[in-house]
Amino acid sequence: MLALLACAIAAQSPQDDAKSAQSKAFAQLEEQLSKRPRPSLTQRQKLLLDFLQTQDDSTAAAPSRETLSVRLRLAEIALLRLDAQTAQKAFAAIAEAARERFPNVRQRAQFGLHQAFRLAGEPDEARAVLETLRVENKGSDVEREAELALAQLDARRPIAVGEAADSLLFGKDLAGETVTAESFDEEPRLFVFWSAEHAPSVRRLEALARAWSKLGLPMRNLVAYCTDDDADMLRTMADDRGYTFRILPASGSGYLHADWLRLGVTAVPTSVLFDAEQQLVAIDPPPHRIAACLQR
């Protein structure tokens, strides 16, 4: 028996050992990423890069699911940070490497790639990716999702000054309440796109909120879309800083909220001001110019 066991151990190849080590390291990574409080985007990025430093097999003819999954998450972080070029390159490489072997990874990479193209203002490239996604997944939920994204892409372009916001989706705020088009008072609305990790956008959000309050405009009509998906962290931040406006965290899916693309937001901070008739009157108005923009 001992002789047989010794032979079995000797038969294990270095490749098997490396795969076992990678699987263990990936399990540890998953545990770190799921800890509460949830790591920030910067912390998650570091954990992912640390994994790749020792476990990356991207140069292999057939990279592992673990490697592709880690690279997919890094691409999603680039997308949430509105780095369209980095996201495009990463998603495209992952989609190609996952071809035939890991369809779920390929599908996620393709959907992320279409968003990166939209973020960069390249609708034709985004459309081509969605068409490929649709054709490769006939008869599945993925095909239907691709068709819906194609319909949105073909029917909508970023809202321009003078146009109405009639197709924004909003979503759940930090209190778990669903924000819809009917959730607002019949007053002007201000939407601010920001990141809790980006100090200039935090300062601009707070300056806009102070100006909004001084004008006597309803705080429920100020909605802050955040790139961060950690609702617990955002609630703590809102309590500490006395925020009374509504915050919409990222969904945690790794994709951009559709309203970012609908409004053509490509950087933080970005603010979008609508008048009482819900027509877009200004993009990035300085806090002291909000009243003047509304009086035009």
Protein backbone atom coordinates (compact mmCIF):
# COMPACT_ATOMS: atom_id res chain seq x y z
CA MET A 1 0.00 0.00 0.00
CA LEU A 2 2.76 2.42 0.93
CA ALA A 3 4.52 1.64 -2.32
CA LEU A 4 1.37 2.39 -4.32
CA LEU A 5 0.87 5.68 -2.46
CA ALA A 6 4.46 6.66 -3.14
CA CYS A 7 3.97 5.95 -6.84
CA ALA A 8 0.79 8.03 -6.92
CA ILE A 9 2.55 10.98 -5.31
CA ALA A 10 5.46 10.66 -7.68
CA ALA A 11 3.07 10.62 -10.62
CA GLN A 12 1.77 14.08 -9.79
CA SER A 13 3.18 16.60 -12.23
CA PRO A 14 4.43 20.12 -11.43
CA GLN A 15 1.49 21.33 -13.47
CA ASP A 16 -0.94 19.59 -11.11
CA ASP A 17 0.82 21.11 -8.12
CA ALA A 18 0.63 24.58 -9.65
CA LYS A 19 -3.09 24.18 -10.38
CA SER A 20 -3.76 23.06 -6.82
CA ALA A 21 -1.82 26.04 -5.45
CA GLN A 22 -3.71 28.38 -7.74
CA SER A 23 -7.09 26.99 -6.68
CA LYS A 24 -6.15 27.44 -3.02
CA ALA A 25 -4.93 30.99 -3.60
CA PHE A 26 -8.15 31.80 -5.50
CA ALA A 27 -10.28 30.49 -2.64
CA GLN A 28 -8.35 32.69 -0.22
CA LEU A 29 -8.83 35.66 -2.55
CA GLU A 30 -12.58 35.07 -2.70
CA GLU A 31 -12.69 35.01 1.09
CA GLN A 32 -10.79 38.31 1.32
CA LEU A 33 -13.02 39.98 -1.25
CA SER A 34 -16.20 38.92 0.57
CA LYS A 35 -15.15 40.18 4.00
CA ARG A 36 -17.21 42.83 5.79
CA PRO A 37 -16.73 45.72 5.68
CA ARG A 38 -16.25 45.15 1.98
CA PRO A 39 -12.84 46.21 0.62
CA SER A 40 -12.85 49.42 -1.37
CA LEU A 41 -12.28 49.36 -5.12
CA THR A 42 -8.64 50.28 -4.52
CA GLN A 43 -8.23 47.51 -1.95
CA ARG A 44 -9.96 44.99 -4.24
CA GLN A 45 -7.69 45.99 -7.10
CA LYS A 46 -4.61 45.39 -4.94
CA LEU A 47 -5.84 41.96 -3.84
CA LEU A 48 -6.51 40.97 -7.44
CA LEU A 49 -3.12 42.20 -8.62
CA ASP A 50 -1.40 40.41 -5.73
CA PHE A 51 -3.02 37.16 -6.88
CA LEU A 52 -1.76 37.67 -10.43
CA GLN A 53 1.78 38.34 -9.26
CA THR A 54 2.14 34.72 -8.18
CA GLN A 55 -0.66 32.84 -9.95
CA ASP A 56 -1.04 34.41 -13.40
CA ASP A 57 -1.03 31.92 -16.27
CA SER A 58 -2.27 34.31 -18.97
CA THR A 59 0.67 33.43 -21.23
CA ALA A 60 -0.39 29.78 -21.28
CA ALA A 61 -2.20 28.40 -24.31
CA ALA A 62 -5.27 27.87 -22.13
CA PRO A 63 -5.42 30.26 -19.14
CA SER A 64 -7.36 28.94 -16.16
CA ARG A 65 -10.82 30.06 -15.15
CA GLU A 66 -9.28 31.52 -11.98
CA THR A 67 -6.92 33.77 -13.91
CA LEU A 68 -9.62 34.89 -16.32
CA SER A 69 -12.03 35.57 -13.44
CA VAL A 70 -9.47 37.76 -11.68
CA ARG A 71 -8.70 39.66 -14.87
CA LEU A 72 -12.42 40.08 -15.47
CA ARG A 73 -12.85 41.73 -12.07
CA LEU A 74 -9.93 44.06 -12.78
CA ALA A 75 -11.56 45.02 -16.08
CA GLU A 76 -14.82 45.72 -14.25
CA ILE A 77 -12.98 48.00 -11.81
CA ALA A 78 -11.49 49.89 -14.78
CA LEU A 79 -15.00 50.27 -16.19
CA LEU A 80 -16.40 51.58 -12.89
CA ARG A 81 -13.53 54.06 -12.81
CA LEU A 82 -14.56 55.17 -16.30
CA ASP A 83 -11.23 54.12 -17.81
CA ALA A 84 -12.71 53.06 -21.14
CA GLN A 85 -9.44 52.30 -22.93
CA THR A 86 -8.08 50.00 -20.22
CA ALA A 87 -11.46 48.28 -19.88
CA GLN A 88 -11.73 47.74 -23.64
CA LYS A 89 -8.35 46.05 -23.92
CA ALA A 90 -8.92 43.86 -20.88
CA PHE A 91 -12.46 42.75 -21.77
CA ALA A 92 -11.46 41.99 -25.37
CA ALA A 93 -8.51 39.84 -24.28
CA ILE A 94 -10.63 37.95 -21.73
CA ALA A 95 -13.46 37.32 -24.21
CA GLU A 96 -10.99 35.84 -26.70
CA ALA A 97 -9.16 33.70 -24.12
CA ALA A 98 -12.46 32.34 -22.75
CA ARG A 99 -13.81 31.41 -26.19
CA GLU A 100 -15.20 27.82 -26.32
CA ARG A 101 -13.93 27.03 -22.82
CA PHE A 102 -15.68 29.32 -20.37
CA PRO A 103 -18.89 30.70 -21.96
CA ASN A 104 -20.05 32.52 -18.83
CA VAL A 105 -16.75 34.39 -18.52
CA ARG A 106 -16.87 35.24 -22.24
CA GLN A 107 -20.43 36.54 -21.96
CA ARG A 108 -19.58 38.83 -19.03
CA ALA A 109 -16.49 40.11 -20.83
CA GLN A 110 -18.49 40.81 -23.99
CA PHE A 111 -21.15 42.74 -22.10
CA GLY A 112 -18.47 44.73 -20.29
CA LEU A 113 -16.74 45.39 -23.62
CA HIS A 114 -19.92 46.81 -25.13
CA GLN A 115 -20.25 49.19 -22.17
CA ALA A 116 -16.60 50.25 -22.51
CA PHE A 117 -17.22 51.07 -26.18
CA ARG A 118 -20.34 53.05 -25.26
CA LEU A 119 -18.40 54.90 -22.57
CA ALA A 120 -15.80 55.85 -25.18
CA GLY A 121 -18.49 57.13 -27.56
CA GLU A 122 -18.12 54.25 -30.04
CA PRO A 123 -21.67 52.97 -30.59
CA ASP A 124 -20.89 51.02 -33.77
CA GLU A 125 -18.25 48.96 -31.98
CA ALA A 126 -20.63 48.43 -29.06
CA ARG A 127 -23.32 47.26 -31.46
CA ALA A 128 -20.97 44.76 -33.12
CA VAL A 129 -20.10 43.21 -29.73
CA LEU A 130 -23.78 42.88 -28.80
CA GLU A 131 -24.58 41.29 -32.15
CA THR A 132 -21.86 38.70 -31.56
CA LEU A 133 -23.17 38.09 -28.05
CA ARG A 134 -26.69 37.63 -29.39
CA VAL A 135 -25.69 35.24 -32.19
CA GLU A 136 -23.50 33.10 -29.92
CA ASN A 137 -26.27 32.62 -27.35
CA LYS A 138 -29.35 31.81 -29.40
CA GLY A 139 -32.41 30.82 -27.41
CA SER A 140 -30.98 31.85 -24.03
CA ASP A 141 -31.54 34.63 -21.51
CA VAL A 142 -28.22 36.09 -22.68
CA GLU A 143 -29.64 36.51 -26.19
CA ARG A 144 -32.62 38.41 -24.78
CA GLU A 145 -30.36 40.64 -22.67
CA ALA A 146 -28.24 41.40 -25.73
CA GLU A 147 -31.36 42.26 -27.75
CA LEU A 148 -32.54 44.61 -24.99
CA ALA A 149 -29.14 46.31 -24.88
CA LEU A 150 -29.21 46.64 -28.67
CA ALA A 151 -32.64 48.24 -28.54
CA GLN A 152 -31.43 50.72 -25.93
CA LEU A 153 -28.32 51.48 -27.94
CA ASP A 154 -30.23 52.01 -31.19
CA ALA A 155 -33.06 54.05 -29.69
CA ARG A 156 -31.12 56.30 -27.37
CA ARG A 157 -28.25 58.71 -27.47
CA PRO A 158 -27.01 60.86 -24.58
CA ILE A 159 -29.61 63.42 -23.53
CA ALA A 160 -28.76 66.88 -24.83
CA VAL A 161 -29.45 70.32 -23.34
CA GLY A 162 -33.09 71.19 -23.90
CA GLU A 163 -34.25 67.55 -23.93
CA ALA A 164 -36.29 65.79 -21.27
CA ALA A 165 -35.09 62.97 -19.01
CA ASP A 166 -37.85 60.55 -19.87
CA SER A 167 -35.97 57.27 -19.75
CA LEU A 168 -33.74 57.26 -16.67
CA LEU A 169 -33.90 54.08 -14.60
CA PHE A 170 -32.63 55.26 -11.17
CA GLY A 171 -32.72 52.33 -8.72
CA LYS A 172 -32.51 51.59 -4.99
CA ASP A 173 -31.03 54.16 -2.63
CA LEU A 174 -29.10 53.51 0.58
CA ALA A 175 -32.35 53.10 2.52
CA GLY A 176 -33.41 50.33 0.15
CA GLU A 177 -36.17 52.48 -1.35
CA THR A 178 -36.64 52.32 -5.10
CA VAL A 179 -36.19 55.71 -6.77
CA THR A 180 -38.37 56.16 -9.85
CA ALA A 181 -39.43 59.06 -12.03
CA GLU A 182 -42.40 59.53 -9.68
CA SER A 183 -40.17 59.83 -6.58
CA PHE A 184 -39.41 63.53 -7.06
CA ASP A 185 -41.14 66.76 -6.14
CA GLU A 186 -42.25 68.95 -9.05
CA GLU A 187 -39.13 71.05 -8.78
CA PRO A 188 -35.72 71.12 -10.51
CA ARG A 189 -33.58 68.03 -10.19
CA LEU A 190 -29.84 67.67 -9.86
CA PHE A 191 -27.98 64.42 -10.54
CA VAL A 192 -24.37 64.18 -9.39
CA PHE A 193 -22.01 61.40 -10.47
CA TRP A 194 -19.16 60.83 -8.05
CA SER A 195 -16.82 58.41 -6.29
CA ALA A 196 -16.27 58.16 -2.54
CA GLU A 197 -12.60 57.42 -3.26
CA HIS A 198 -12.16 60.53 -5.41
CA ALA A 199 -11.69 63.52 -3.10
CA PRO A 200 -12.39 66.23 -5.74
CA SER A 201 -15.73 64.64 -6.59
CA VAL A 202 -16.66 64.40 -2.90
CA ARG A 203 -15.89 68.12 -2.48
CA ARG A 204 -17.92 69.04 -5.58
CA LEU A 205 -20.88 66.92 -4.42
CA GLU A 206 -20.88 68.60 -1.02
CA ALA A 207 -20.56 72.09 -2.54
CA LEU A 208 -23.48 71.39 -4.87
CA ALA A 209 -25.56 70.03 -1.98
CA ARG A 210 -24.91 73.18 0.08
CA ALA A 211 -25.89 75.42 -2.84
CA TRP A 212 -29.00 73.32 -3.49
CA SER A 213 -30.05 73.61 0.14
CA LYS A 214 -29.47 77.39 0.23
CA LEU A 215 -31.76 77.78 -2.78
CA GLY A 216 -34.51 76.02 -0.85
CA LEU A 217 -34.72 73.21 -3.38
CA PRO A 218 -35.88 69.79 -2.10
CA MET A 219 -33.01 67.52 -1.12
CA ARG A 220 -35.01 64.52 -2.35
CA ASN A 221 -34.53 65.99 -5.84
CA LEU A 222 -30.74 65.74 -5.55
CA VAL A 223 -29.57 62.23 -6.43
CA ALA A 224 -25.93 61.19 -6.16
CA TYR A 225 -24.91 58.25 -8.35
CA CYS A 226 -21.80 56.59 -6.92
CA THR A 227 -19.20 54.32 -8.51
CA ASP A 228 -18.86 52.53 -5.16
CA ASP A 229 -21.04 49.50 -4.42
CA ASP A 230 -20.47 49.19 -0.67
CA ALA A 231 -23.77 50.43 0.73
CA ASP A 232 -22.61 49.98 4.34
CA MET A 233 -19.58 52.23 3.76
CA LEU A 234 -21.69 54.82 1.99
CA ARG A 235 -24.29 54.83 4.78
CA THR A 236 -21.55 55.43 7.35
CA MET A 237 -20.11 58.22 5.22
CA ALA A 238 -23.54 59.81 4.76
CA ASP A 239 -24.22 59.70 8.52
CA ASP A 240 -20.78 61.09 9.41
CA ARG A 241 -21.05 63.95 6.92
CA GLY A 242 -24.73 64.69 7.38
CA TYR A 243 -25.83 63.92 3.82
CA THR A 244 -29.58 64.25 3.39
CA PHE A 245 -29.73 63.76 -0.38
CA ARG A 246 -30.33 60.36 -1.93
CA ILE A 247 -27.37 58.18 -2.91
CA LEU A 248 -27.57 55.41 -5.50
CA PRO A 249 -24.67 52.99 -5.02
CA ALA A 250 -23.31 50.92 -7.88
CA SER A 251 -25.14 47.64 -8.29
CA GLY A 252 -22.19 45.37 -7.54
CA SER A 253 -22.61 43.66 -10.92
CA GLY A 254 -19.35 45.09 -12.24
CA TYR A 255 -21.19 47.07 -14.91
CA LEU A 256 -22.00 50.76 -15.15
CA HIS A 257 -25.52 51.85 -14.23
CA ALA A 258 -27.44 52.47 -17.47
CA ASP A 259 -28.07 56.12 -16.47
CA TRP A 260 -24.35 56.89 -16.67
CA LEU A 261 -24.41 55.89 -20.33
CA ARG A 262 -27.81 57.47 -20.99
CA LEU A 263 -26.52 60.83 -19.76
CA GLY A 264 -23.15 60.47 -21.44
CA VAL A 265 -21.16 60.66 -18.19
CA THR A 266 -17.49 59.85 -18.80
CA ALA A 267 -15.78 61.27 -15.69
CA VAL A 268 -16.33 62.13 -12.04
CA PRO A 269 -17.39 64.53 -10.80
CA THR A 270 -20.14 65.25 -13.31
CA SER A 271 -23.42 66.98 -12.49
CA VAL A 272 -26.55 67.28 -14.61
CA LEU A 273 -29.22 69.91 -13.88
CA PHE A 274 -32.86 69.65 -14.98
CA ASP A 275 -35.46 72.41 -14.57
CA ALA A 276 -38.96 71.98 -13.13
CA GLU A 277 -40.22 70.84 -16.56
CA GLN A 278 -37.52 68.14 -16.49
CA GLN A 279 -35.57 69.57 -19.38
CA LEU A 280 -31.78 69.41 -19.23
CA VAL A 281 -30.54 72.96 -18.68
CA ALA A 282 -26.88 72.54 -17.71
CA ILE A 283 -24.04 70.05 -17.43
CA ASP A 284 -21.52 70.65 -14.64
CA PRO A 285 -22.96 73.95 -13.41
CA PRO A 286 -20.74 75.58 -10.75
CA PRO A 287 -22.55 75.62 -7.39
CA HIS A 288 -22.95 79.42 -7.45
CA ARG A 289 -24.47 79.30 -10.96
CA ILE A 290 -27.32 76.86 -10.32
CA ALA A 291 -29.90 79.60 -9.80
CA ALA A 292 -28.81 81.46 -12.94
CA CYS A 293 -28.99 78.26 -15.01
CA LEU A 294 -32.53 77.64 -13.83
CA GLN A 295 -33.62 81.18 -14.72
CA ARG A 296 -32.67 80.91 -18.39
